[in-house]
Protein backbone atom coordinates (compact mmCIF):
# COMPACT_ATOMS: atom_id res chain seq x y z
CA MET A 1 0.03 -18.58 63.59
CA ASP A 2 3.30 -17.32 62.10
CA ARG A 3 2.09 -15.14 59.23
CA SER A 4 5.62 -14.84 57.81
CA SER A 5 6.06 -18.61 57.31
CA ARG A 6 7.07 -19.80 53.87
CA ASN A 7 5.45 -23.19 54.50
CA ARG A 8 2.59 -24.02 52.18
CA LEU A 9 -0.92 -23.75 53.47
CA ASN A 10 -2.80 -27.06 53.33
CA GLU A 11 -6.03 -28.69 54.47
CA LYS A 12 -4.63 -29.40 57.93
CA LEU A 13 -4.78 -25.64 58.58
CA LEU A 14 -8.41 -25.15 57.54
CA HIS A 15 -9.47 -24.84 61.18
CA GLN A 16 -7.38 -21.66 61.46
CA PHE A 17 -9.74 -19.93 59.02
CA ALA A 18 -13.18 -20.89 60.29
CA GLY A 19 -14.60 -17.35 60.25
CA ASP A 20 -17.17 -15.91 57.87
CA THR A 21 -15.03 -13.08 56.49
CA LEU A 22 -13.89 -12.80 52.88
CA PHE A 23 -10.32 -13.33 54.04
CA ASP A 24 -11.24 -16.58 55.78
CA ALA A 25 -13.06 -17.79 52.67
CA ILE A 26 -10.05 -17.01 50.47
CA ALA A 27 -7.70 -18.65 52.96
CA ARG A 28 -9.77 -21.85 52.94
CA VAL A 29 -9.56 -22.01 49.15
CA VAL A 30 -5.80 -21.47 49.34
CA CYS A 31 -5.49 -24.23 51.95
CA ARG A 32 -7.41 -26.68 49.78
CA SER A 33 -5.29 -25.86 46.74
CA GLY A 34 -2.17 -26.69 48.76
CA CYS A 35 0.25 -24.67 46.65
CA LEU A 36 0.79 -21.25 48.27
CA PRO A 37 3.17 -20.22 51.06
CA ARG A 38 1.36 -18.75 54.06
CA LYS A 39 3.35 -15.51 53.77
CA GLU A 40 2.10 -14.88 50.23
CA LEU A 41 -1.54 -15.16 51.28
CA TYR A 42 -1.14 -12.53 53.99
CA GLU A 43 0.98 -10.24 51.82
CA ALA A 44 -1.52 -10.32 48.96
CA TRP A 45 -4.45 -9.69 51.30
CA GLU A 46 -2.86 -6.78 53.15
CA VAL A 47 -1.70 -5.13 49.92
CA ALA A 48 -5.05 -5.62 48.19
CA ARG A 49 -7.02 -4.13 51.11
CA ARG A 50 -4.92 -1.00 51.12
CA VAL A 51 -4.95 -0.62 47.36
CA ARG A 52 -8.74 -0.88 47.21
CA ARG A 53 -9.18 1.75 49.91
CA ARG A 54 -7.40 4.14 47.59
CA PHE A 55 -8.08 2.94 44.03
CA ARG A 56 -11.35 1.50 42.72
CA GLY A 57 -12.29 -0.11 39.44
CA ARG A 58 -10.04 -0.37 36.35
CA ARG A 59 -8.38 -3.32 34.68
CA ILE A 60 -5.95 -4.93 37.10
CA VAL A 61 -2.46 -5.68 35.77
CA ASP A 62 -0.40 -7.73 38.22
CA LEU A 63 3.23 -7.66 37.04
CA ALA A 64 5.75 -10.20 38.36
CA CYS A 65 2.58 -11.84 39.60
CA GLY A 66 3.77 -15.24 40.84
CA HIS A 67 0.54 -17.15 41.53
CA GLY A 68 -1.56 -14.10 40.66
CA LEU A 69 -3.38 -14.09 43.99
CA LEU A 70 -3.11 -10.31 44.41
CA ALA A 71 -4.91 -9.68 41.12
CA GLN A 72 -7.71 -12.08 42.02
CA ILE A 73 -8.22 -10.67 45.51
CA LEU A 74 -8.46 -7.19 44.00
CA LEU A 75 -11.29 -8.43 41.78
CA LEU A 76 -13.06 -9.99 44.75
CA LEU A 77 -12.76 -6.80 46.79
CA ASP A 78 -14.11 -4.59 44.00
CA ASP A 79 -16.28 -6.20 41.35
CA SER A 80 -16.30 -3.00 39.28
CA SER A 81 -12.93 -3.95 37.79
CA PRO A 82 -13.77 -5.71 34.52
CA GLU A 83 -10.79 -8.05 34.37
CA ALA A 84 -7.31 -8.85 35.62
CA LEU A 85 -4.13 -9.65 33.73
CA ALA A 86 -1.42 -11.56 35.64
CA VAL A 87 2.02 -11.50 34.02
CA ASP A 88 5.31 -13.12 34.89
CA LEU A 89 8.33 -14.26 32.92
CA ARG A 90 7.81 -17.74 34.37
CA LEU A 91 4.50 -18.64 35.96
CA PRO A 92 4.43 -21.31 38.68
CA LYS A 93 2.73 -24.48 37.42
CA SER A 94 0.45 -24.33 40.43
CA ALA A 95 -0.89 -20.88 39.46
CA ALA A 96 -3.51 -22.61 37.31
CA THR A 97 -4.50 -24.84 40.24
CA LEU A 98 -5.06 -21.85 42.51
CA GLU A 99 -6.93 -19.92 39.82
CA ALA A 100 -9.27 -22.86 39.20
CA SER A 101 -9.96 -23.21 42.93
CA LEU A 102 -10.78 -19.51 43.30
CA ARG A 103 -13.00 -19.60 40.20
CA GLU A 104 -14.90 -22.56 41.59
CA ALA A 105 -15.52 -20.70 44.85
CA TRP A 106 -16.41 -17.43 43.09
CA PRO A 107 -17.89 -18.20 39.65
CA ARG A 108 -17.99 -14.47 38.84
CA LEU A 109 -14.21 -14.68 38.31
CA ALA A 110 -14.73 -16.94 35.29
CA GLY A 111 -13.35 -15.40 32.10
CA ARG A 112 -12.03 -12.33 33.91
CA VAL A 113 -8.50 -13.48 34.85
CA SER A 114 -5.81 -14.04 32.23
CA PHE A 115 -2.29 -15.35 32.85
CA ILE A 116 0.56 -14.54 30.48
CA GLU A 117 4.19 -15.61 30.47
CA ASP A 118 6.11 -12.71 28.94
CA ASP A 119 8.77 -10.08 29.45
CA LEU A 120 7.28 -7.25 31.52
CA ARG A 121 8.66 -4.77 29.00
CA LYS A 122 6.41 -6.17 26.29
CA VAL A 123 3.05 -6.08 28.05
CA GLN A 124 0.58 -3.61 26.52
CA LEU A 125 -0.52 -1.16 29.21
CA TYR A 126 -3.09 1.64 29.20
CA PRO A 127 -3.67 4.84 31.19
CA GLU A 128 -6.88 3.36 32.62
CA ASP A 129 -5.06 0.36 34.14
CA LEU A 130 -4.31 -0.26 37.80
CA ILE A 131 -0.80 -1.75 37.85
CA VAL A 132 0.19 -3.68 40.96
CA SER A 133 3.07 -5.81 42.16
CA ALA A 134 3.88 -7.44 45.49
CA HIS A 135 7.58 -8.09 46.07
CA ALA A 136 8.93 -7.74 42.56
CA CYS A 137 12.60 -8.40 43.29
CA GLY A 138 15.25 -5.72 42.97
CA GLY A 139 15.16 -3.72 39.77
CA LEU A 140 11.85 -5.27 38.70
CA THR A 141 10.09 -2.82 40.99
CA ASP A 142 11.73 0.09 39.15
CA LEU A 143 10.80 -1.42 35.79
CA ILE A 144 7.17 -1.72 36.89
CA LEU A 145 7.12 1.90 38.05
CA GLU A 146 8.66 2.98 34.74
CA ARG A 147 6.04 1.06 32.78
CA ALA A 148 3.25 2.68 34.79
CA VAL A 149 4.70 6.15 34.26
CA GLU A 150 5.01 5.54 30.50
CA VAL A 151 1.23 5.38 30.17
CA GLY A 152 0.22 7.44 33.22
CA ALA A 153 -1.50 4.55 34.99
CA ARG A 154 -2.15 4.20 38.68
CA VAL A 155 0.38 1.95 40.38
CA ALA A 156 0.96 0.17 43.69
CA VAL A 157 4.13 -1.73 44.56
CA LEU A 158 5.53 -3.51 47.61
CA PRO A 159 9.31 -3.46 46.92
CA CYS A 160 11.77 -6.10 48.09
CA CYS A 161 15.31 -7.39 47.51
CA HIS A 162 16.75 -3.90 47.08
CA ASP A 163 19.85 -3.89 44.87
CA LEU A 164 21.88 -1.18 46.60
CA LYS A 165 24.74 -1.38 44.11
CA LYS A 166 22.63 -0.72 41.02
CA GLY A 167 19.65 1.13 42.45
CA ASP A 168 19.12 4.88 42.88
CA LEU A 169 19.37 5.84 46.55
CA GLY A 170 18.76 9.51 45.81
CA GLY A 171 21.81 10.57 47.83
CA LEU A 172 19.89 9.70 51.01
CA GLU A 173 22.08 6.85 52.18
CA GLY A 174 23.90 9.17 54.57
CA TRP A 175 20.70 9.61 56.56
CA LEU A 176 18.67 6.49 55.86
CA ASP A 177 19.47 2.81 55.58
CA GLY A 178 19.91 1.67 51.99
CA PRO A 179 16.52 0.05 51.28
CA LEU A 180 14.61 2.92 52.87
CA ALA A 181 16.70 5.46 50.94
CA MET A 182 15.89 3.62 47.70
CA ASP A 183 12.16 3.55 48.39
CA ALA A 184 12.18 7.23 49.39
CA ALA A 185 13.94 8.02 46.12
CA ARG A 186 11.28 6.06 44.24
CA ALA A 187 8.54 8.09 45.89
CA SER A 188 10.36 11.35 45.15
CA ARG A 189 10.90 10.36 41.52
CA LEU A 190 7.19 9.64 41.07
CA ARG A 191 6.30 13.05 42.49
CA PHE A 192 8.72 14.69 40.04
CA GLN A 193 7.03 12.74 37.23
CA GLY A 194 3.66 14.26 38.06
CA TYR A 195 2.23 11.70 40.45
CA ARG A 196 0.46 12.06 43.76
CA VAL A 197 2.19 9.61 46.11
CA HIS A 198 0.74 7.69 49.05
CA THR A 199 2.91 5.62 51.40
CA GLN A 200 1.68 2.93 53.75
CA LEU A 201 2.94 -0.10 55.66
CA ILE A 202 1.66 -3.65 55.90
CA PRO A 203 2.26 -5.48 59.22
CA THR A 204 5.91 -6.26 59.98
CA ASP A 205 5.05 -9.70 61.34
CA ILE A 206 4.26 -10.71 57.75
CA THR A 207 7.37 -9.23 56.17
CA PRO A 208 10.03 -6.66 57.09
CA LYS A 209 9.86 -5.51 53.44
CA ASN A 210 6.55 -3.88 54.22
CA ARG A 211 6.58 -0.45 52.56
CA LEU A 212 3.66 -0.04 50.17
CA LEU A 213 4.01 2.71 47.57
CA LEU A 214 0.86 3.88 45.77
CA ALA A 215 0.72 6.62 43.16
CA GLU A 216 -1.69 8.24 40.71
CA ARG A 217 -1.02 10.69 37.89
CA LEU A 218 -2.17 14.20 38.82
CA SER A 219 -2.51 15.43 35.26
CA SER A 220 -4.74 12.57 34.12
CA PRO A 221 -8.49 13.27 34.26
CA ALA A 222 -9.01 9.55 34.94
CA ALA A 223 -6.78 9.77 38.02
CA THR A 224 -9.49 11.60 39.95
CA ALA A 225 -12.32 9.32 38.87
CA PRO A 226 -14.06 7.38 41.64
């Protein structure tokens, strides 16, 4: 199966996910909902797995959330998070369909996932949050990092659509290609702002924009909590 396909998953593909793993169960729900591109399922799963290996608990805030699948997988992977907030300027109409399907499969999600259409600059954030975003386009990734730094929250982003004309390349473009220079500058900036930085990759057969940046505030007592 081409994991990078933008074609929507549907019931005809249920046989591809016949296993008894959590991923297979989520994939079957996504297939039945018939509204999510295959690529987004794999991206959300691979990001969520890596985030949960590093960061546990906390309220999940998924900014530029799209269908909000990342937030909901994070809840399924770690039930100690009390709730998830999924925010986008314009939510897909099918986000509600997917959310209802996931809630039916996992009733413990009921009442714990909220969707909001709003400017990301206006969302109330807290130091105890875990802020995440998968493929927030261009400068949205920088805005999300800035919002996390404002309150000292943990953050994990998978950048994409790098705007090389407006973005900060940190003077590294002479050594590195533009997008990599920009992501390296983001990591360096977080370190300067008092964060411990972790860098990982998700599989390239899902997306070539596969650099995952995770960070936690060193000076925050909550940052070292389990």
